N, C-alpha and C. Protein backbone atom coordinates (compact mmCIF):
# COMPACT_ATOMS: atom_id res chain seq x y z
N UNK A 1 18.26 155.39 231.20
CA UNK A 1 16.99 155.57 231.39
C UNK A 1 15.97 155.02 230.26
N UNK A 2 16.46 155.18 229.12
CA UNK A 2 15.39 154.28 227.95
C UNK A 2 15.70 152.90 228.20
N UNK A 3 16.12 152.42 229.19
CA UNK A 3 16.31 150.80 228.84
C UNK A 3 15.21 150.28 230.26
N UNK A 4 14.76 151.48 230.85
CA UNK A 4 13.66 150.70 232.07
C UNK A 4 12.48 150.80 231.84
N UNK A 5 11.85 149.95 232.14
CA UNK A 5 10.38 149.30 231.91
C UNK A 5 9.64 149.82 232.94
N UNK A 6 8.68 150.61 232.35
CA UNK A 6 7.80 151.52 233.64
C UNK A 6 6.44 150.71 233.79
N UNK A 7 5.91 150.20 234.65
CA UNK A 7 4.76 149.93 234.97
C UNK A 7 3.76 150.62 235.72
N UNK A 8 2.54 150.99 235.59
CA UNK A 8 1.62 151.48 236.55
C UNK A 8 0.49 150.77 236.91
N UNK A 9 0.66 150.52 237.95
CA UNK A 9 -0.69 149.70 238.45
C UNK A 9 -1.67 151.10 238.61
N UNK A 10 -2.86 151.10 238.30
CA UNK A 10 -4.00 152.30 238.49
C UNK A 10 -5.35 151.59 238.50
N UNK A 11 -6.10 152.43 238.74
CA UNK A 11 -7.67 152.21 239.05
C UNK A 11 -8.10 153.49 238.11
N UNK A 12 -9.33 153.41 237.85
CA UNK A 12 -10.02 154.55 236.56
C UNK A 12 -10.64 155.45 237.95
N UNK A 13 -10.69 155.39 239.15
CA UNK A 13 -11.40 156.16 240.00
C UNK A 13 -10.23 157.03 240.96
N UNK A 14 -8.74 156.91 240.42
CA UNK A 14 -8.02 157.21 241.30
C UNK A 14 -7.01 158.73 240.54
N UNK A 15 -7.34 159.50 241.06
CA UNK A 15 -6.89 160.83 240.27
C UNK A 15 -5.26 160.88 240.47
N UNK A 16 -4.60 160.24 241.36
CA UNK A 16 -3.33 160.36 241.46
C UNK A 16 -2.74 159.56 240.32
N UNK A 17 -3.35 158.45 240.12
CA UNK A 17 -2.88 157.43 239.00
C UNK A 17 -2.81 158.54 237.56
N UNK A 18 -3.93 158.76 237.40
CA UNK A 18 -4.05 159.84 235.94
C UNK A 18 -2.74 160.92 236.17
N UNK A 19 -2.22 161.58 237.23
CA UNK A 19 -1.44 162.33 237.38
C UNK A 19 0.10 161.67 236.96
N UNK A 20 0.35 160.60 237.79
CA UNK A 20 1.43 159.79 237.27
C UNK A 20 1.37 159.72 235.75
N UNK A 21 0.34 159.10 234.94
CA UNK A 21 0.49 158.55 233.81
C UNK A 21 0.77 159.68 233.03
N UNK A 22 -0.02 160.85 232.90
CA UNK A 22 0.08 162.09 232.42
C UNK A 22 1.70 162.52 232.50
N UNK A 23 2.16 162.77 233.65
CA UNK A 23 3.48 163.43 234.16
C UNK A 23 4.59 162.18 233.30
N UNK A 24 4.53 161.24 233.36
CA UNK A 24 5.92 160.05 232.83
C UNK A 24 5.14 160.40 231.39
N UNK A 25 4.19 160.41 230.89
CA UNK A 25 4.09 160.71 229.27
C UNK A 25 4.39 162.07 228.58
N UNK A 26 4.14 163.17 229.69
CA UNK A 26 4.62 164.07 229.36
C UNK A 26 6.42 164.75 229.27
N UNK A 27 6.70 163.58 230.02
CA UNK A 27 8.23 163.39 230.07
C UNK A 27 8.92 162.09 229.07
N UNK A 28 7.95 161.91 228.06
CA UNK A 28 8.18 161.09 227.04
C UNK A 28 8.52 159.37 227.51
N UNK A 29 8.12 159.04 228.63
CA UNK A 29 8.23 157.87 229.24
C UNK A 29 7.12 157.14 228.56
N UNK A 30 7.57 155.68 228.01
CA UNK A 30 6.57 154.86 227.61
C UNK A 30 6.00 154.01 228.95
N UNK A 31 4.72 154.09 229.37
CA UNK A 31 3.88 153.25 230.43
C UNK A 31 3.16 152.15 229.87
N UNK A 32 3.42 151.06 230.56
CA UNK A 32 2.31 150.08 230.51
C UNK A 32 1.42 150.37 231.63
N UNK A 33 0.04 150.47 231.63
CA UNK A 33 -0.65 150.73 232.39
C UNK A 33 -1.68 149.64 232.63
N UNK A 34 -1.84 148.94 233.88
CA UNK A 34 -2.50 147.72 234.38
C UNK A 34 -3.29 148.10 235.56
N UNK A 35 -4.59 148.11 234.77
CA UNK A 35 -5.88 148.31 235.53
C UNK A 35 -6.19 147.74 236.70
N UNK A 36 -6.36 147.59 238.23
CA UNK A 36 -6.44 146.99 239.13
C UNK A 36 -7.67 146.63 239.24
N UNK A 37 -8.74 147.84 238.94
CA UNK A 37 -10.33 147.63 238.99
C UNK A 37 -10.82 146.91 237.81
N UNK A 38 -10.17 146.52 236.87
CA UNK A 38 -10.67 145.29 235.53
C UNK A 38 -9.87 144.18 235.86
N UNK A 39 -8.61 143.99 236.84
CA UNK A 39 -8.03 142.67 236.52
C UNK A 39 -7.46 142.59 237.98
N UNK A 40 -8.45 141.19 238.64
CA UNK A 40 -8.16 140.94 240.10
C UNK A 40 -6.76 140.32 240.27
N UNK A 41 -6.32 139.80 239.06
CA UNK A 41 -5.08 139.28 239.36
C UNK A 41 -3.74 140.64 239.76
N UNK A 42 -3.98 141.38 239.07
CA UNK A 42 -3.26 142.69 238.83
C UNK A 42 -3.38 143.34 240.53
N UNK A 43 -4.42 143.13 240.79
CA UNK A 43 -4.83 143.70 242.12
C UNK A 43 -4.20 142.81 243.45
N UNK A 44 -4.00 141.48 243.35
CA UNK A 44 -3.54 140.70 243.92
C UNK A 44 -1.85 140.85 244.09
N UNK A 45 -1.25 141.30 242.85
CA UNK A 45 0.18 141.68 242.38
C UNK A 45 0.47 142.63 243.15
N UNK A 46 -0.34 143.91 243.32
CA UNK A 46 -0.20 145.37 244.00
C UNK A 46 0.31 144.74 245.52
N UNK A 47 -0.83 143.86 245.97
CA UNK A 47 -0.69 143.74 247.44
C UNK A 47 0.35 142.83 247.83
N UNK A 48 0.82 141.70 246.61
CA UNK A 48 2.20 141.30 247.00
C UNK A 48 3.10 141.97 247.00
N UNK A 49 3.37 143.02 246.19
CA UNK A 49 4.62 143.68 246.00
C UNK A 49 4.54 144.77 247.32
N UNK A 50 3.59 145.37 247.71
CA UNK A 50 3.52 146.55 248.64
C UNK A 50 3.20 146.22 249.64
N UNK A 51 2.09 145.20 249.76
CA UNK A 51 1.50 144.89 251.09
C UNK A 51 0.51 145.66 251.42
N UNK A 52 -0.51 146.52 250.55
CA UNK A 52 -1.42 147.29 250.75
C UNK A 52 -2.09 147.40 249.17
N UNK A 53 -3.40 147.68 249.01
CA UNK A 53 -4.11 147.93 247.99
C UNK A 53 -4.21 149.52 247.32
N UNK A 54 -3.49 150.10 247.78
CA UNK A 54 -3.22 151.27 247.32
C UNK A 54 -2.58 151.63 246.03
N UNK A 55 -3.38 152.42 245.01
CA UNK A 55 -2.62 152.86 243.62
C UNK A 55 -2.17 154.40 243.78
N UNK A 56 -1.73 154.93 243.06
CA UNK A 56 -0.98 154.10 241.82
C UNK A 56 0.12 153.31 242.59
N UNK A 57 1.06 152.45 241.95
CA UNK A 57 2.18 152.11 242.30
C UNK A 57 3.04 151.62 240.89
N UNK A 58 4.15 152.29 240.98
CA UNK A 58 4.90 152.31 239.59
C UNK A 58 6.17 151.52 239.78
N UNK A 59 6.08 150.51 238.89
CA UNK A 59 7.57 149.49 239.22
C UNK A 59 8.58 150.20 237.77
N UNK A 60 9.69 150.55 238.27
CA UNK A 60 10.87 151.37 237.48
C UNK A 60 11.83 150.51 237.23
N UNK A 61 11.97 149.87 236.53
CA UNK A 61 13.03 148.33 236.57
C UNK A 61 12.80 147.63 237.67
N UNK A 62 13.91 147.63 238.55
CA UNK A 62 13.03 146.76 239.78
C UNK A 62 12.90 147.62 241.19
N UNK A 63 12.77 149.01 240.64
CA UNK A 63 12.33 149.70 241.96
C UNK A 63 10.83 149.72 242.06
N UNK A 64 10.13 149.67 243.38
CA UNK A 64 8.76 150.39 243.37
C UNK A 64 8.61 151.54 243.93
N UNK A 65 7.89 152.25 243.19
CA UNK A 65 7.16 153.58 244.13
C UNK A 65 5.44 153.60 244.31
N UNK A 66 5.04 153.74 245.55
CA UNK A 66 4.00 153.57 246.05
C UNK A 66 3.56 155.19 245.78
N UNK A 67 2.50 155.23 245.23
CA UNK A 67 1.78 156.82 245.19
C UNK A 67 2.58 157.51 244.26
N UNK A 68 2.26 158.98 243.97
CA UNK A 68 2.79 159.72 242.74
C UNK A 68 3.97 160.53 243.31
N UNK A 69 5.19 159.75 243.94
CA UNK A 69 6.34 160.50 244.25
C UNK A 69 6.94 160.99 243.31
N UNK A 70 6.67 162.18 243.13
CA UNK A 70 7.49 162.65 242.02
C UNK A 70 9.26 162.86 242.09
N UNK A 71 9.32 163.27 243.16
CA UNK A 71 10.80 163.19 243.52
C UNK A 71 11.76 162.02 243.15
N UNK A 72 10.98 160.90 243.50
CA UNK A 72 11.48 159.46 243.41
C UNK A 72 11.85 158.89 241.97
N UNK A 73 10.43 159.27 241.27
CA UNK A 73 10.39 158.83 240.00
C UNK A 73 11.31 159.78 239.31
N UNK A 74 11.29 161.06 239.28
CA UNK A 74 12.53 161.79 238.66
C UNK A 74 14.00 161.06 238.86
N UNK A 75 14.30 160.87 240.15
CA UNK A 75 15.58 160.22 240.32
C UNK A 75 15.76 158.79 239.84
N UNK A 76 14.46 158.22 239.54
CA UNK A 76 14.69 156.61 239.02
C UNK A 76 15.02 156.77 237.65
N UNK A 77 14.06 157.67 237.20
CA UNK A 77 14.10 157.95 235.57
C UNK A 77 15.29 158.94 235.10
N UNK A 78 15.81 159.45 236.06
CA UNK A 78 17.17 160.75 235.65
C UNK A 78 16.35 161.85 235.09
N UNK A 79 15.00 162.36 235.19
CA UNK A 79 14.42 163.47 234.82
C UNK A 79 14.95 164.59 235.95
N UNK A 80 14.71 165.37 235.10
CA UNK A 80 14.82 166.85 236.03
C UNK A 80 13.74 167.22 236.23
N UNK A 81 13.55 167.74 237.81
CA UNK A 81 12.10 168.24 238.46
C UNK A 81 11.58 169.20 237.64
N UNK A 82 10.38 169.42 237.73
CA UNK A 82 9.72 170.51 237.12
C UNK A 82 9.16 171.39 237.99
């Protein structure tokens, strides 16, 4: 788990992005946040990765999680469900 890099594509107006970020931090996961509302290249990356503009999008290692899918996040990071 410790070796997996976690990147969160988010925007300031997205409540699910805040929930995802807070959930990861509460579980001791370091997150690199990339704000698509401030970085047009990042917004294009999200579309390229997922085929849509929606956030949050999490990259956990090589896996992609679209939306705040807590069960999938827990599984990918080896967290116990809360």
